[in-house]
Structures are given as C-alpha cells and as structure tokens.
Amino acid sequence: MRGTGILRNQLYVGLLVWNRLTYVRNPATGRRVSRVNSDLKLFAIAVPALRIISQELWDQVQPRMADIRVNSGADKPGRPRFWETRRAHHVLTGKVFCGSCGGTMANIGRNYLGCSAARRQGTCGNSQCVRRDLLENQILDALRTRLMQPEHVATFVTEFTAEWNKLQAEVSGEAAARRRELDVVQRKLTSVIDAIADGLRSPGLQQRLDEL
C-alpha cells in the first residue's frame, strides 16, 4: 500500500515519510511508471506541528482499515480486476449521438443505448432509449447495401487519397528535418575532430565530442 489518502496519510499524525515510490520508464510506451518501495527504503521525519489527528484515533482506524481490506479480498491473487469487469465495447461505442443535445449515447442496461447527458447529468430532456442490436443491424445493412455504390466509392477513393498524401507529406517533411539535423551534427563533429587532430585537447572538447 502507498500510505496515501485521507485515512492512511501519516502526515496527519505528524510523520513525514519520504521515498515511498520509485519511478521507472516503460520502454514500450515511454511513460513513467511508479513502483512502491519496501519499508526498508522509507525515510520518516517527525513534524509534530503538522499533526491534526490524535495518535489514539489513528491507532483505532488503522486496524479497522486493515480488516476492511482483508474482508474485501483486495489482496487475493485471483481477485477480479477492474479492467476485466468494465462494460464491453461494441460496434457503435462512442459513435452514436443524441439528436437533442449532441451528447454521446451510452450503454443503458445490457441491450440499450440512451443519452448520457439525460441519464447521468439531467441536462438533456431526451429520455428515450434504442435497442443497440437493432441499430447495429440497420447500420451494418446500410453499409453492406449502399457503401459500394459508385458515388460512395468515388468519395472514399478521393478522401483516402487526400489523407494518404497528407500523411506522406508529413513523413517526408519529418525525414527532411532529420536529414538537416544530421547534416548539422556531422559538420560539428568534423570541426571537433579536426581540432583534436590539430593537437587541441581540453575536457570541454571531449565532452562536446561525446555529446555529438
């Protein structure tokens, strides 16, 4: 456990804890990921002036919190994980919008779609629902029967070609920028190497060579 949150934060009893987490970078995504350090790596400093909860109350709450965690099964290896129990994504998820407010139509129950603004926020008066499977069938039937009509195919080809050309232009522009950057670095490298060949030696010059 991270020891954070309203009921677990030791700062409320005048104890400042450092080095709770270690951050590493995920090589696949490039994002930083936090890892909880073991108790042996923690540093605690007493800051009595920041205490706002009595030690007696704190000592009563912590066992209660531990019991709740055990009874909930949060520490069980085979417990259900939240991302496995989320509502399933369907063909039309995020693609159907309310005709009244323009908000997204969300899953209502197992088989229906309804305006999320009306259901969750009460900012839309559209309380009607539509069966998701019927709507999916209508849309898929329309795609099968109408998508290959000549005028639609021509539109698709035009839009696809424009998008492809735009992406290729972006790739070409990026490659050109990389080539220019490489040319600049190569010229700088040549200058540094020439200086070394002429007998110039300095720590800064070696550092610059390493950086390039």
Protein backbone atom coordinates (compact mmCIF):
# COMPACT_ATOMS: atom_id res chain seq x y z
CA MET A 1 0.00 0.00 0.00
CA ARG A 2 1.16 3.52 -0.78
CA GLY A 3 0.17 5.02 2.58
CA THR A 4 -1.63 7.93 0.97
CA GLY A 5 -5.21 9.15 1.06
CA ILE A 6 -7.25 10.70 3.82
CA LEU A 7 -7.31 7.65 6.09
CA ARG A 8 -3.73 6.44 5.61
CA ASN A 9 -1.66 9.61 5.28
CA GLN A 10 0.79 9.64 8.19
CA LEU A 11 1.36 13.36 7.76
CA TYR A 12 -1.91 13.85 9.68
CA VAL A 13 -0.23 12.39 12.78
CA GLY A 14 2.93 14.44 12.33
CA LEU A 15 5.10 11.96 10.41
CA LEU A 16 6.57 12.89 7.04
CA VAL A 17 7.55 9.81 5.02
CA TRP A 18 9.93 10.02 2.06
CA ASN A 19 10.94 7.65 -0.73
CA ARG A 20 7.64 5.82 -0.93
CA LEU A 21 7.88 5.35 -4.70
CA THR A 22 10.45 4.63 -7.36
CA TYR A 23 9.73 5.78 -10.90
CA VAL A 24 10.88 3.79 -13.93
CA ARG A 25 10.23 4.40 -17.59
CA ASN A 26 8.29 1.79 -19.53
CA PRO A 27 10.46 1.03 -22.60
CA ALA A 28 7.41 0.11 -24.67
CA THR A 29 5.36 3.27 -24.06
CA GLY A 30 7.97 5.74 -22.83
CA ARG A 31 5.77 6.61 -19.83
CA ARG A 32 6.95 6.74 -16.25
CA VAL A 33 5.53 4.01 -14.02
CA SER A 34 5.56 4.16 -10.23
CA ARG A 35 6.66 1.26 -8.03
CA VAL A 36 6.05 1.07 -4.26
CA ASN A 37 9.31 0.79 -2.31
CA SER A 38 9.76 -1.65 0.53
CA ASP A 39 9.57 -0.40 4.11
CA LEU A 40 13.36 -0.71 4.37
CA LYS A 41 13.81 2.14 1.89
CA LEU A 42 11.49 4.60 3.63
CA PHE A 43 12.68 7.68 5.49
CA ALA A 44 10.44 9.16 8.20
CA ILE A 45 10.80 12.59 9.82
CA ALA A 46 8.73 13.75 12.79
CA VAL A 47 6.86 17.01 12.13
CA PRO A 48 4.65 17.46 15.22
CA ALA A 49 3.43 20.87 14.09
CA LEU A 50 1.52 19.23 11.23
CA ARG A 51 -0.37 16.73 13.40
CA ILE A 52 -4.14 17.15 13.18
CA ILE A 53 -5.26 13.71 14.43
CA SER A 54 -4.60 12.19 17.83
CA GLN A 55 -2.48 9.05 17.99
CA GLU A 56 -5.29 7.22 19.77
CA LEU A 57 -7.74 7.87 16.93
CA TRP A 58 -5.15 6.92 14.33
CA ASP A 59 -4.41 3.63 16.12
CA GLN A 60 -8.13 2.81 16.18
CA VAL A 61 -8.65 3.49 12.50
CA GLN A 62 -5.72 1.54 11.03
CA PRO A 63 -6.77 -1.97 12.22
CA ARG A 64 -10.29 -1.22 11.02
CA MET A 65 -8.93 -0.28 7.59
CA ALA A 66 -6.86 -3.47 7.50
CA ASP A 67 -9.93 -5.59 8.34
CA ILE A 68 -11.93 -3.93 5.54
CA ARG A 69 -9.14 -4.66 3.07
CA VAL A 70 -8.92 -8.31 4.10
CA ASN A 71 -12.70 -8.82 4.03
CA SER A 72 -12.98 -7.21 0.60
CA GLY A 73 -10.46 -9.65 -0.87
CA ALA A 74 -8.32 -6.82 -2.25
CA ASP A 75 -5.11 -8.76 -1.54
CA LYS A 76 -6.25 -12.05 -3.04
CA PRO A 77 -4.19 -13.03 -6.12
CA GLY A 78 -7.26 -14.15 -8.10
CA ARG A 79 -9.48 -11.16 -7.32
CA PRO A 80 -11.40 -9.62 -10.25
CA ARG A 81 -9.52 -6.77 -11.86
CA PHE A 82 -11.47 -3.63 -12.65
CA TRP A 83 -10.45 -3.53 -16.31
CA GLU A 84 -11.88 -7.02 -16.79
CA THR A 85 -15.30 -6.05 -15.43
CA ARG A 86 -15.80 -2.83 -17.39
CA ARG A 87 -18.65 -2.62 -19.83
CA ALA A 88 -17.80 -4.17 -23.16
CA HIS A 89 -17.12 -2.02 -26.19
CA HIS A 90 -19.45 -2.57 -29.13
CA VAL A 91 -19.50 -1.60 -32.78
CA LEU A 92 -21.26 1.69 -32.03
CA THR A 93 -19.48 2.61 -28.78
CA GLY A 94 -18.72 6.32 -28.91
CA LYS A 95 -20.24 6.68 -32.38
CA VAL A 96 -23.93 7.34 -31.62
CA PHE A 97 -25.04 10.81 -30.53
CA CYS A 98 -28.22 12.24 -29.06
CA GLY A 99 -30.42 14.07 -31.55
CA SER A 100 -31.46 16.61 -28.91
CA CYS A 101 -28.19 17.71 -27.26
CA GLY A 102 -25.49 16.09 -29.38
CA GLY A 103 -24.07 14.21 -26.41
CA THR A 104 -22.81 10.64 -26.58
CA MET A 105 -25.29 7.79 -26.30
CA ALA A 106 -24.14 5.42 -23.54
CA ASN A 107 -24.96 1.82 -22.68
CA ILE A 108 -28.14 1.53 -20.64
CA GLY A 109 -28.50 -1.91 -19.17
CA ARG A 110 -27.45 -4.79 -21.37
CA ASN A 111 -29.02 -4.02 -24.75
CA TYR A 112 -29.98 -0.35 -24.91
CA LEU A 113 -28.41 2.99 -25.72
CA GLY A 114 -29.53 6.24 -24.12
CA CYS A 115 -28.39 9.84 -23.86
CA SER A 116 -25.68 10.03 -21.20
CA ALA A 117 -26.42 13.71 -20.50
CA ALA A 118 -30.05 12.88 -19.77
CA ARG A 119 -29.31 9.82 -17.67
CA ARG A 120 -26.30 10.96 -15.67
CA GLN A 121 -26.38 14.76 -15.62
CA GLY A 122 -30.03 15.63 -16.18
CA THR A 123 -29.06 18.34 -18.70
CA CYS A 124 -31.00 16.83 -21.61
CA GLY A 125 -34.69 16.02 -21.86
CA ASN A 126 -34.26 13.05 -24.20
CA SER A 127 -35.15 10.04 -22.05
CA GLN A 128 -35.74 7.67 -24.99
CA CYS A 129 -33.65 4.55 -25.43
CA VAL A 130 -32.94 2.49 -28.53
CA ARG A 131 -32.04 -1.17 -28.75
CA ARG A 132 -28.37 -1.40 -29.62
CA ASP A 133 -28.62 -4.63 -31.62
CA LEU A 134 -31.42 -3.27 -33.84
CA LEU A 135 -29.48 -0.08 -34.52
CA GLU A 136 -26.31 -2.05 -35.26
CA ASN A 137 -28.17 -4.26 -37.73
CA GLN A 138 -29.68 -1.26 -39.51
CA ILE A 139 -26.32 0.45 -39.87
CA LEU A 140 -24.47 -2.67 -40.97
CA ASP A 141 -27.19 -3.49 -43.51
CA ALA A 142 -26.95 0.05 -44.89
CA LEU A 143 -23.19 -0.26 -45.18
CA ARG A 144 -23.48 -3.59 -47.00
CA THR A 145 -26.10 -2.40 -49.47
CA ARG A 146 -25.06 1.21 -50.06
CA LEU A 147 -21.37 1.58 -49.36
CA MET A 148 -20.30 0.09 -52.71
CA GLN A 149 -22.46 2.39 -54.81
CA PRO A 150 -20.28 4.20 -57.41
CA GLU A 151 -20.69 7.68 -55.94
CA HIS A 152 -19.76 6.45 -52.47
CA VAL A 153 -16.75 4.53 -53.77
CA ALA A 154 -15.58 7.66 -55.61
CA THR A 155 -15.91 9.70 -52.41
CA PHE A 156 -13.99 7.11 -50.46
CA VAL A 157 -11.17 6.99 -53.02
CA THR A 158 -10.91 10.79 -53.05
CA GLU A 159 -10.83 11.09 -49.26
CA PHE A 160 -8.44 8.17 -48.85
CA THR A 161 -6.05 9.57 -51.44
CA ALA A 162 -6.09 13.02 -49.80
CA GLU A 163 -5.42 11.54 -46.35
CA TRP A 164 -2.65 9.31 -47.69
CA ASN A 165 -0.97 12.22 -49.45
CA LYS A 166 -1.16 14.29 -46.27
CA LEU A 167 0.43 11.53 -44.21
CA GLN A 168 3.16 11.01 -46.80
CA ALA A 169 3.88 14.74 -46.82
CA GLU A 170 4.21 14.71 -43.03
CA VAL A 171 6.58 11.73 -43.17
CA SER A 172 8.65 13.33 -45.91
CA GLY A 173 8.83 16.63 -44.00
CA GLU A 174 9.96 14.86 -40.84
CA ALA A 175 12.58 12.88 -42.75
CA ALA A 176 13.89 16.08 -44.34
CA ALA A 177 14.13 17.74 -40.92
CA ARG A 178 16.04 14.73 -39.60
CA ARG A 179 18.44 14.88 -42.54
CA ARG A 180 19.09 18.59 -41.92
CA GLU A 181 19.69 17.92 -38.25
CA LEU A 182 22.07 15.08 -39.12
CA ASP A 183 24.00 17.32 -41.53
CA VAL A 184 24.45 19.95 -38.80
CA VAL A 185 25.70 17.34 -36.31
CA GLN A 186 28.09 15.84 -38.85
CA ARG A 187 29.57 19.28 -39.61
CA LYS A 188 30.06 19.93 -35.91
CA LEU A 189 31.63 16.51 -35.44
CA THR A 190 34.05 17.21 -38.27
CA SER A 191 35.05 20.52 -36.67
CA VAL A 192 35.68 18.90 -33.28
CA ILE A 193 37.65 16.01 -34.80
CA ASP A 194 39.76 18.45 -36.82
CA ALA A 195 40.50 20.42 -33.65
CA ILE A 196 41.63 17.25 -31.87
CA ALA A 197 43.75 16.26 -34.87
CA ASP A 198 45.45 19.69 -34.73
CA GLY A 199 46.51 19.00 -31.16
CA LEU A 200 43.83 20.84 -29.25
CA ARG A 201 42.99 18.99 -26.02
CA SER A 202 40.53 20.08 -23.33
CA PRO A 203 37.89 18.41 -21.11
CA GLY A 204 35.21 20.58 -22.67
CA LEU A 205 36.18 19.48 -26.17
CA GLN A 206 35.97 15.81 -25.23
CA GLN A 207 32.60 16.36 -23.59
CA ARG A 208 31.33 18.12 -26.72
CA LEU A 209 32.54 15.20 -28.84
CA ASP A 210 30.74 12.72 -26.61
CA GLU A 211 27.51 14.74 -26.80
CA LEU A 212 27.59 14.94 -30.57
